[in-house]
């Protein structure tokens, strides 16, 4: 009996490890990651081609204006970008419950509301175009007006692509993203060659977003029609209004962190400094862009596992492992061959600041981890982290406004903010995974 007890005691941990290993390497999350990551690499290549072409078609001043205008578009799209995580969460919850008709109704209503918000932003931007152009040292208001025209389609495209992720349509999400980026490249380059300069490059975003909206809507209509379980009362989303605001707050903070420093540099420094900073930042952000598909796949997978009462540790291990591998390869390549990588991306008139590049590599790594951990907590319904993240972002903006003697100061402030955020999210994740695993109802985890 004693021997049997000992054997049983030894086999229990082994059995748990075997089960964990089998769960980690299950085909679902790995397959989805490989599919979306592969297609995202095509998107990244096309995105690099866009920057490569524009850096050579435009003067450094016009290129810096284009980067600032695109960052402004991203910041003004924060309502949609912040909504992206919420769209994945709600559509994922409804999808796993086979509530396809309600999902389609919620999607169409949300798209209409976001479109109205985008139209309001575009009108306000047009009215303030002169003042904004002077503030950001633009060469006229053309780029500002183009950003305004791109807002509506960009916001709607965010909602459509978020719904594709929420319904686990990762292959179609990747295809739509490839088509969007290719259209942006072709249309942007064509309009620059026609003499539209920075405004033409930014206008390519409108064309790409239109392609994403049309293609994504067709796919979602078919997916939701195939996803309809037994009849039930379908009136409200499975996540309440207050929790929806918390999700938006978390994503809002991440969107601000991603784009704010570029606009500060454009506002407080000359064109050459802004162009050089934007070039280094673009290389550093490659870490985030390369790993963001992992976080997008993670959110709907966590929704399914957590709502079914399964451990989310395997999903966490897979995602962090993939992020670590991607970051290691990209960061080592950039840090070992910085001059070579920079020379491939940008022509001779751009100067490489290796210290700034090193800081931004750290920032990009931390942003990748923060994004993944935030999505894991959102998927499990742990939304109390919204308050810390918003406070951290406000503190970052105030510090950047008060302390910007050099561009390196801004990058350092960004990195410190991301370090604090990553540590906090890691603690929240640790507390989350230590909770006992039991059957849960979608969208009702503790806040």
Protein backbone atom coordinates (compact mmCIF):
# COMPACT_ATOMS: atom_id res chain seq x y z
CA UNK A 1 0.00 0.00 0.00
CA UNK A 2 2.82 2.38 0.83
CA UNK A 3 4.51 1.67 -2.47
CA UNK A 4 1.26 2.23 -4.31
CA UNK A 5 0.77 5.51 -2.48
CA UNK A 6 4.26 6.64 -3.37
CA UNK A 7 3.77 5.67 -7.00
CA UNK A 8 0.46 7.49 -7.05
CA UNK A 9 2.04 10.57 -5.51
CA UNK A 10 4.76 10.50 -8.13
CA UNK A 11 2.43 9.90 -11.03
CA UNK A 12 0.02 12.70 -10.11
CA UNK A 13 2.46 15.56 -10.88
CA UNK A 14 3.59 13.67 -13.97
CA UNK A 15 -0.01 13.29 -15.09
CA UNK A 16 -0.67 16.99 -14.54
CA UNK A 17 2.45 17.93 -16.48
CA UNK A 18 1.45 15.63 -19.32
CA UNK A 19 -2.02 17.12 -19.42
CA UNK A 20 -0.56 20.63 -19.37
CA UNK A 21 1.86 19.78 -22.18
CA UNK A 22 -0.93 18.28 -24.25
CA UNK A 23 -3.03 21.38 -23.68
CA UNK A 24 -0.18 23.75 -24.53
CA UNK A 25 0.50 22.00 -27.80
CA UNK A 26 -3.11 21.45 -28.79
CA UNK A 27 -3.65 22.31 -32.46
CA UNK A 28 -6.20 25.11 -31.94
CA UNK A 29 -4.23 28.04 -30.58
CA UNK A 30 -1.00 27.04 -32.31
CA UNK A 31 -2.73 26.60 -35.65
CA UNK A 32 -4.51 29.93 -35.34
CA UNK A 33 -1.27 31.65 -34.35
CA UNK A 34 0.63 30.17 -37.26
CA UNK A 35 -2.10 31.12 -39.75
CA UNK A 36 -2.50 34.69 -38.53
CA UNK A 37 1.22 35.17 -37.91
CA UNK A 38 2.10 33.98 -41.41
CA UNK A 39 -0.39 36.32 -43.06
CA UNK A 40 0.62 39.13 -40.70
CA UNK A 41 4.19 38.75 -41.90
CA UNK A 42 2.91 39.46 -45.40
CA UNK A 43 1.15 42.53 -43.98
CA UNK A 44 4.37 43.62 -42.26
CA UNK A 45 6.34 43.22 -45.49
CA UNK A 46 3.76 45.31 -47.33
CA UNK A 47 3.83 47.84 -44.49
CA UNK A 48 7.61 47.98 -44.72
CA UNK A 49 7.30 48.40 -48.49
CA UNK A 50 4.93 51.34 -47.89
CA UNK A 51 7.46 53.05 -45.60
CA UNK A 52 10.34 52.16 -47.95
CA UNK A 53 8.57 53.63 -50.98
CA UNK A 54 7.35 56.75 -49.18
CA UNK A 55 10.75 57.46 -47.62
CA UNK A 56 12.12 57.65 -51.16
CA UNK A 57 9.24 59.38 -52.91
CA UNK A 58 8.85 62.09 -50.26
CA UNK A 59 11.31 64.61 -48.87
CA UNK A 60 12.33 64.09 -45.20
CA UNK A 61 10.04 66.95 -44.16
CA UNK A 62 7.08 65.51 -46.10
CA UNK A 63 7.81 62.03 -44.76
CA UNK A 64 7.85 63.31 -41.17
CA UNK A 65 4.53 65.03 -41.90
CA UNK A 66 3.13 61.76 -43.25
CA UNK A 67 4.22 59.85 -40.12
CA UNK A 68 2.75 62.53 -37.85
CA UNK A 69 -0.49 62.54 -39.86
CA UNK A 70 -0.75 58.75 -39.64
CA UNK A 71 -0.11 58.95 -35.87
CA UNK A 72 -2.79 61.64 -35.65
CA UNK A 73 -5.15 59.35 -37.56
CA UNK A 74 -4.33 56.56 -35.11
CA UNK A 75 -4.96 58.82 -32.11
CA UNK A 76 -8.21 60.13 -33.54
CA UNK A 77 -9.17 56.52 -34.22
CA UNK A 78 -8.69 55.71 -30.53
CA UNK A 79 -12.48 55.34 -30.03
CA UNK A 80 -12.38 52.56 -32.63
CA UNK A 81 -8.99 51.18 -31.65
CA UNK A 82 -10.11 51.06 -28.02
CA UNK A 83 -13.36 49.49 -29.20
CA UNK A 84 -11.41 46.74 -31.01
CA UNK A 85 -10.76 44.75 -27.84
CA UNK A 86 -14.39 45.21 -26.81
CA UNK A 87 -15.58 44.02 -30.22
CA UNK A 88 -13.41 40.90 -29.94
CA UNK A 89 -14.72 40.30 -26.42
CA UNK A 90 -18.43 40.73 -27.21
CA UNK A 91 -18.32 38.93 -30.57
CA UNK A 92 -16.29 36.12 -28.98
CA UNK A 93 -18.79 35.73 -26.14
CA UNK A 94 -21.75 35.66 -28.55
CA UNK A 95 -19.95 33.36 -30.98
CA UNK A 96 -19.18 30.68 -28.40
CA UNK A 97 -22.86 30.71 -27.41
CA UNK A 98 -24.01 30.28 -31.04
CA UNK A 99 -25.88 33.57 -30.97
CA UNK A 100 -25.11 34.51 -34.56
CA UNK A 101 -28.22 36.61 -35.25
CA UNK A 102 -27.64 38.75 -32.16
CA UNK A 103 -23.98 39.08 -33.10
CA UNK A 104 -24.87 40.41 -36.55
CA UNK A 105 -27.39 42.89 -35.08
CA UNK A 106 -24.90 44.06 -32.47
CA UNK A 107 -22.22 44.41 -35.14
CA UNK A 108 -24.40 46.51 -37.48
CA UNK A 109 -25.53 48.79 -34.65
CA UNK A 110 -21.98 49.23 -33.38
CA UNK A 111 -20.72 49.95 -36.91
CA UNK A 112 -23.37 52.63 -37.40
CA UNK A 113 -22.59 54.28 -34.06
CA UNK A 114 -18.85 54.22 -34.67
CA UNK A 115 -19.41 55.67 -38.14
CA UNK A 116 -21.36 58.58 -36.64
CA UNK A 117 -18.55 59.18 -34.13
CA UNK A 118 -16.05 59.15 -36.99
CA UNK A 119 -18.11 61.65 -38.96
CA UNK A 120 -18.26 63.98 -35.94
CA UNK A 121 -14.47 63.73 -35.51
CA UNK A 122 -13.96 64.45 -39.22
CA UNK A 123 -16.13 67.58 -39.05
CA UNK A 124 -14.34 68.84 -35.94
CA UNK A 125 -10.98 68.13 -37.56
CA UNK A 126 -11.97 70.13 -40.63
CA UNK A 127 -12.99 73.10 -38.51
CA UNK A 128 -9.72 73.01 -36.55
CA UNK A 129 -7.47 72.07 -39.48
CA UNK A 130 -5.65 75.40 -39.61
CA UNK A 131 -4.81 75.41 -35.91
CA UNK A 132 -3.73 71.74 -35.91
CA UNK A 133 -1.59 72.27 -39.00
CA UNK A 134 0.25 75.13 -37.30
CA UNK A 135 0.65 73.16 -34.06
CA UNK A 136 2.21 70.16 -35.83
CA UNK A 137 4.19 72.33 -38.27
CA UNK A 138 2.53 70.86 -41.36
CA UNK A 139 2.94 72.33 -44.82
CA UNK A 140 -0.70 73.39 -45.21
CA UNK A 141 -3.97 71.75 -44.18
CA UNK A 142 -4.22 69.10 -46.92
CA UNK A 143 -2.92 66.25 -44.71
CA UNK A 144 -5.30 67.24 -41.92
CA UNK A 145 -8.29 67.18 -44.25
CA UNK A 146 -7.26 63.79 -45.62
CA UNK A 147 -6.98 62.43 -42.09
CA UNK A 148 -10.51 63.65 -41.47
CA UNK A 149 -11.80 61.87 -44.56
CA UNK A 150 -10.05 58.65 -43.51
CA UNK A 151 -11.49 58.60 -39.98
CA UNK A 152 -14.90 57.13 -40.76
CA UNK A 153 -13.69 54.19 -42.84
CA UNK A 154 -10.77 53.51 -40.50
CA UNK A 155 -13.05 53.29 -37.47
CA UNK A 156 -15.52 51.00 -39.22
CA UNK A 157 -12.67 48.79 -40.47
CA UNK A 158 -11.46 48.36 -36.89
CA UNK A 159 -14.89 47.09 -35.83
CA UNK A 160 -15.12 44.71 -38.78
CA UNK A 161 -11.67 43.22 -38.22
CA UNK A 162 -12.29 42.92 -34.48
CA UNK A 163 -15.41 40.88 -35.21
CA UNK A 164 -13.46 38.57 -37.51
CA UNK A 165 -11.02 37.93 -34.65
CA UNK A 166 -13.83 37.41 -32.15
CA UNK A 167 -15.43 34.77 -34.36
CA UNK A 168 -12.03 33.06 -34.73
CA UNK A 169 -12.00 33.74 -38.49
CA UNK A 170 -8.25 34.22 -38.36
CA UNK A 171 -7.54 33.10 -41.91
CA UNK A 172 -10.02 35.58 -43.34
CA UNK A 173 -8.78 38.28 -40.96
CA UNK A 174 -5.29 37.76 -42.31
CA UNK A 175 -6.45 37.83 -45.94
CA UNK A 176 -8.46 41.01 -45.36
CA UNK A 177 -5.46 42.64 -43.67
CA UNK A 178 -3.21 41.72 -46.60
CA UNK A 179 -5.71 43.19 -49.08
CA UNK A 180 -6.05 46.34 -46.97
CA UNK A 181 -2.29 46.94 -46.73
CA UNK A 182 -1.70 46.18 -50.42
CA UNK A 183 -4.44 48.63 -51.39
CA UNK A 184 -2.96 51.24 -49.08
CA UNK A 185 0.46 50.82 -50.68
CA UNK A 186 -0.79 50.96 -54.25
CA UNK A 187 -3.21 53.85 -53.76
CA UNK A 188 -0.81 55.85 -51.60
CA UNK A 189 2.11 55.51 -54.00
CA UNK A 190 -0.13 56.42 -56.94
CA UNK A 191 -1.41 59.58 -55.29
CA UNK A 192 2.09 60.66 -54.24
CA UNK A 193 3.26 60.26 -57.83
CA UNK A 194 0.31 62.42 -58.89
CA UNK A 195 1.72 65.21 -56.69
CA UNK A 196 -0.32 64.88 -53.50
CA UNK A 197 2.83 64.54 -51.34
CA UNK A 198 2.17 63.58 -47.68
CA UNK A 199 -1.59 63.98 -48.10
CA UNK A 200 -1.57 61.43 -50.91
CA UNK A 201 0.34 58.91 -48.81
CA UNK A 202 -2.16 59.28 -45.97
CA UNK A 203 -5.09 59.00 -48.38
CA UNK A 204 -3.99 55.45 -49.15
CA UNK A 205 -5.30 54.54 -45.69
CA UNK A 206 -8.83 55.43 -46.79
CA UNK A 207 -8.65 53.12 -49.79
CA UNK A 208 -7.25 50.26 -47.72
CA UNK A 209 -9.91 50.69 -45.02
CA UNK A 210 -12.68 50.63 -47.64
CA UNK A 211 -11.36 47.31 -48.96
CA UNK A 212 -11.28 45.87 -45.42
CA UNK A 213 -14.83 47.03 -44.64
CA UNK A 214 -16.37 45.57 -47.78
CA UNK A 215 -14.49 42.26 -47.71
CA UNK A 216 -14.88 41.78 -43.96
CA UNK A 217 -18.60 42.53 -43.97
CA UNK A 218 -19.25 39.86 -46.60
CA UNK A 219 -17.35 37.24 -44.60
CA UNK A 220 -19.01 38.17 -41.30
CA UNK A 221 -22.48 37.96 -42.82
CA UNK A 222 -21.79 34.37 -43.86
CA UNK A 223 -20.18 33.44 -40.52
CA UNK A 224 -23.04 34.79 -38.42
CA UNK A 225 -25.63 33.05 -40.59
CA UNK A 226 -23.91 29.72 -39.90
CA UNK A 227 -23.70 30.42 -36.16
CA UNK A 228 -27.19 30.21 -34.71
CA UNK A 229 -28.02 27.74 -31.96
CA UNK A 230 -31.33 27.00 -30.23
CA UNK A 231 -33.84 29.81 -29.98
CA UNK A 232 -33.34 32.03 -26.95
CA UNK A 233 -33.96 35.56 -25.78
CA UNK A 234 -31.34 37.65 -27.57
CA UNK A 235 -31.60 41.24 -26.47
CA UNK A 236 -28.38 42.29 -24.71
CA UNK A 237 -24.70 41.46 -25.18
CA UNK A 238 -23.26 39.08 -22.59
CA UNK A 239 -20.99 41.80 -21.16
CA UNK A 240 -22.66 44.70 -19.36
CA UNK A 241 -22.40 48.39 -20.20
CA UNK A 242 -20.12 49.24 -17.28
CA UNK A 243 -17.76 46.41 -18.17
CA UNK A 244 -17.79 47.51 -21.80
CA UNK A 245 -16.51 50.91 -20.66
CA UNK A 246 -13.76 49.20 -18.65
CA UNK A 247 -12.61 47.24 -21.70
CA UNK A 248 -12.61 50.43 -23.76
CA UNK A 249 -10.59 52.16 -21.03
CA UNK A 250 -7.90 49.46 -21.11
CA UNK A 251 -7.61 49.52 -24.90
CA UNK A 252 -7.77 53.32 -24.92
CA UNK A 253 -4.72 53.46 -22.65
CA UNK A 254 -2.74 51.10 -24.88
CA UNK A 255 -3.65 53.09 -28.01
CA UNK A 256 -2.48 56.36 -26.42
CA UNK A 257 0.81 54.81 -25.34
CA UNK A 258 1.43 53.53 -28.86
CA UNK A 259 1.06 56.90 -30.59
CA UNK A 260 1.50 59.85 -28.22
CA UNK A 261 5.29 60.24 -28.34
CA UNK A 262 5.35 60.68 -32.14
CA UNK A 263 3.03 63.69 -31.92
CA UNK A 264 5.02 65.22 -29.04
CA UNK A 265 8.20 64.96 -31.12
CA UNK A 266 6.51 66.52 -34.16
CA UNK A 267 5.14 69.38 -32.06
CA UNK A 268 8.32 70.25 -30.13
CA UNK A 269 11.19 69.45 -32.52
CA UNK A 270 12.16 70.39 -36.06
CA UNK A 271 11.43 68.32 -39.17
CA UNK A 272 14.82 66.58 -39.28
CA UNK A 273 14.70 65.52 -35.62
CA UNK A 274 11.09 64.40 -36.01
CA UNK A 275 11.92 62.40 -39.13
CA UNK A 276 14.89 60.66 -37.51
CA UNK A 277 12.89 59.86 -34.36
CA UNK A 278 9.98 58.51 -36.40
CA UNK A 279 12.38 56.30 -38.36
CA UNK A 280 13.90 54.79 -35.21
CA UNK A 281 10.47 54.44 -33.59
CA UNK A 282 9.18 52.60 -36.64
CA UNK A 283 11.96 50.03 -36.37
CA UNK A 284 11.41 49.65 -32.62
CA UNK A 285 7.66 49.25 -33.05
CA UNK A 286 8.28 46.37 -35.43
CA UNK A 287 8.50 44.24 -32.29
CA UNK A 288 4.94 45.16 -31.38
CA UNK A 289 3.57 44.84 -34.90
CA UNK A 290 5.21 41.43 -35.30
CA UNK A 291 3.76 40.08 -32.04
CA UNK A 292 0.30 41.70 -32.06
CA UNK A 293 -1.28 38.74 -33.95
CA UNK A 294 -0.43 36.52 -30.97
CA UNK A 295 -2.43 38.79 -28.66
CA UNK A 296 -5.34 38.93 -31.09
CA UNK A 297 -5.51 35.13 -31.20
CA UNK A 298 -5.13 34.92 -27.41
CA UNK A 299 -8.27 36.91 -26.53
CA UNK A 300 -10.96 34.69 -28.14
CA UNK A 301 -9.14 31.54 -27.03
CA UNK A 302 -9.17 32.73 -23.41
CA UNK A 303 -12.88 33.57 -23.72
CA UNK A 304 -13.65 30.02 -24.80
CA UNK A 305 -11.47 28.29 -22.20
CA UNK A 306 -12.39 30.50 -19.25
CA UNK A 307 -16.13 30.36 -19.94
CA UNK A 308 -15.91 26.55 -20.14
CA UNK A 309 -14.04 26.24 -16.84
CA UNK A 310 -10.67 25.24 -18.31
CA UNK A 311 -7.30 26.60 -17.22
CA UNK A 312 -5.99 29.56 -19.20
CA UNK A 313 -2.38 28.81 -18.24
CA UNK A 314 -1.71 26.82 -21.46
CA UNK A 315 -2.92 29.73 -23.59
CA UNK A 316 -0.71 32.08 -21.58
CA UNK A 317 2.34 29.85 -21.98
CA UNK A 318 1.86 29.46 -25.72
CA UNK A 319 1.39 33.20 -26.26
CA UNK A 320 4.26 34.37 -24.05
CA UNK A 321 6.51 31.74 -25.61
CA UNK A 322 5.69 32.88 -29.14
CA UNK A 323 6.12 36.54 -28.19
CA UNK A 324 9.47 35.76 -26.57
CA UNK A 325 10.70 33.92 -29.66
CA UNK A 326 9.60 36.64 -32.07
CA UNK A 327 11.00 39.46 -29.93
CA UNK A 328 14.32 37.66 -29.51
CA UNK A 329 14.81 37.14 -33.24
CA UNK A 330 13.78 40.67 -34.24
CA UNK A 331 15.58 42.45 -31.39
CA UNK A 332 18.85 40.58 -31.88
CA UNK A 333 18.77 41.26 -35.62
CA UNK A 334 18.22 44.98 -35.07
CA UNK A 335 20.76 45.30 -32.22
CA UNK A 336 23.50 43.29 -33.93
CA UNK A 337 23.08 44.90 -37.36
CA UNK A 338 21.51 48.32 -36.57
CA UNK A 339 23.23 50.25 -39.35
CA UNK A 340 22.44 47.61 -41.96
CA UNK A 341 18.78 47.36 -40.96
CA UNK A 342 18.42 51.15 -40.88
CA UNK A 343 20.11 51.54 -44.27
CA UNK A 344 17.70 49.03 -45.84
CA UNK A 345 14.66 50.86 -44.50
CA UNK A 346 15.69 54.50 -45.00
CA UNK A 347 17.81 56.52 -47.42
CA UNK A 348 21.03 58.35 -46.55
CA UNK A 349 19.41 61.62 -45.38
CA UNK A 350 18.13 59.88 -42.23
CA UNK A 351 20.50 59.56 -39.24
CA UNK A 352 20.50 56.57 -36.89
CA UNK A 353 20.61 57.21 -33.13
CA UNK A 354 21.71 53.85 -31.72
CA UNK A 355 20.98 54.85 -28.11
CA UNK A 356 17.45 55.84 -29.02
CA UNK A 357 17.06 52.62 -30.98
CA UNK A 358 18.08 50.53 -27.95
CA UNK A 359 15.56 52.35 -25.76
CA UNK A 360 12.83 51.77 -28.31
CA UNK A 361 13.67 48.06 -28.58
CA UNK A 362 12.98 47.78 -24.85
CA UNK A 363 9.79 49.82 -25.24
CA UNK A 364 8.59 47.62 -28.10
CA UNK A 365 9.22 44.46 -26.08
CA UNK A 366 7.32 45.80 -23.07
CA UNK A 367 4.45 46.96 -25.26
CA UNK A 368 4.18 43.48 -26.80
CA UNK A 369 3.94 41.87 -23.36
CA UNK A 370 1.49 44.48 -22.04
CA UNK A 371 -0.80 44.01 -25.01
CA UNK A 372 -0.89 40.22 -24.58
CA UNK A 373 -1.42 40.32 -20.80
CA UNK A 374 -4.16 42.93 -21.15
CA UNK A 375 -5.97 40.75 -23.69
CA UNK A 376 -5.69 37.69 -21.45
CA UNK A 377 -7.24 39.57 -18.53
CA UNK A 378 -10.00 41.01 -20.73
CA UNK A 379 -10.82 37.54 -22.03
CA UNK A 380 -11.12 36.20 -18.47
CA UNK A 381 -13.23 39.17 -17.38
CA UNK A 382 -10.64 40.68 -15.01
CA UNK A 383 -11.26 44.33 -15.86
CA UNK A 384 -10.18 46.14 -12.72
CA UNK A 385 -6.86 47.00 -14.35
CA UNK A 386 -8.53 49.79 -16.38
CA UNK A 387 -8.06 52.39 -13.63
CA UNK A 388 -4.32 51.79 -13.19
CA UNK A 389 -3.69 51.91 -16.92
CA UNK A 390 -5.56 55.17 -17.45
CA UNK A 391 -3.73 56.77 -14.50
CA UNK A 392 -0.40 55.58 -15.95
CA UNK A 393 -1.21 57.10 -19.35
CA UNK A 394 -2.27 60.45 -17.87
CA UNK A 395 0.96 60.53 -15.85
CA UNK A 396 2.94 59.76 -19.02
CA UNK A 397 1.30 62.57 -20.98
CA UNK A 398 1.84 65.10 -18.18
CA UNK A 399 5.49 64.07 -17.86
CA UNK A 400 6.06 64.28 -21.62
CA UNK A 401 4.49 67.73 -21.67
CA UNK A 402 6.72 68.90 -18.80
CA UNK A 403 9.98 67.15 -19.74
CA UNK A 404 10.98 67.07 -23.39
CA UNK A 405 14.42 68.61 -23.62
CA UNK A 406 15.45 65.91 -26.09
CA UNK A 407 13.75 63.20 -28.11
CA UNK A 408 15.53 60.66 -25.93
CA UNK A 409 13.63 62.03 -22.92
CA UNK A 410 10.31 61.20 -24.56
CA UNK A 411 11.41 57.67 -25.44
CA UNK A 412 12.62 57.14 -21.87
CA UNK A 413 9.31 58.31 -20.40
CA UNK A 414 7.48 55.95 -22.75
CA UNK A 415 9.66 53.02 -21.68
CA UNK A 416 9.25 53.73 -17.95
CA UNK A 417 5.47 53.88 -18.37
CA UNK A 418 5.46 50.57 -20.23
CA UNK A 419 7.71 48.95 -17.61
CA UNK A 420 5.31 49.94 -14.81
CA UNK A 421 2.32 48.77 -16.84
CA UNK A 422 3.91 45.42 -17.70
CA UNK A 423 4.81 44.70 -14.06
CA UNK A 424 1.29 45.57 -12.93
CA UNK A 425 -0.32 43.39 -15.60
CA UNK A 426 2.01 40.52 -14.72
CA UNK A 427 0.87 40.72 -11.09
CA UNK A 428 -2.79 40.79 -12.15
CA UNK A 429 -2.21 37.80 -14.42
CA UNK A 430 -0.50 35.85 -11.62
CA UNK A 431 -3.43 36.49 -9.29
CA UNK A 432 -5.86 35.53 -12.05
CA UNK A 433 -4.32 32.17 -12.90
CA UNK A 434 -4.09 31.21 -9.20
CA UNK A 435 -7.87 31.32 -8.87
CA UNK A 436 -9.53 27.89 -8.68
CA UNK A 437 -10.70 26.60 -12.06
CA UNK A 438 -14.43 25.94 -12.21
CA UNK A 439 -17.35 26.31 -14.61
CA UNK A 440 -18.02 29.94 -15.39
CA UNK A 441 -20.60 31.93 -17.25
CA UNK A 442 -19.26 34.04 -20.10
CA UNK A 443 -18.67 37.64 -19.12
CA UNK A 444 -19.24 37.21 -15.36
CA UNK A 445 -15.72 36.88 -13.99
CA UNK A 446 -14.86 39.04 -11.01
CA UNK A 447 -13.91 42.61 -11.70
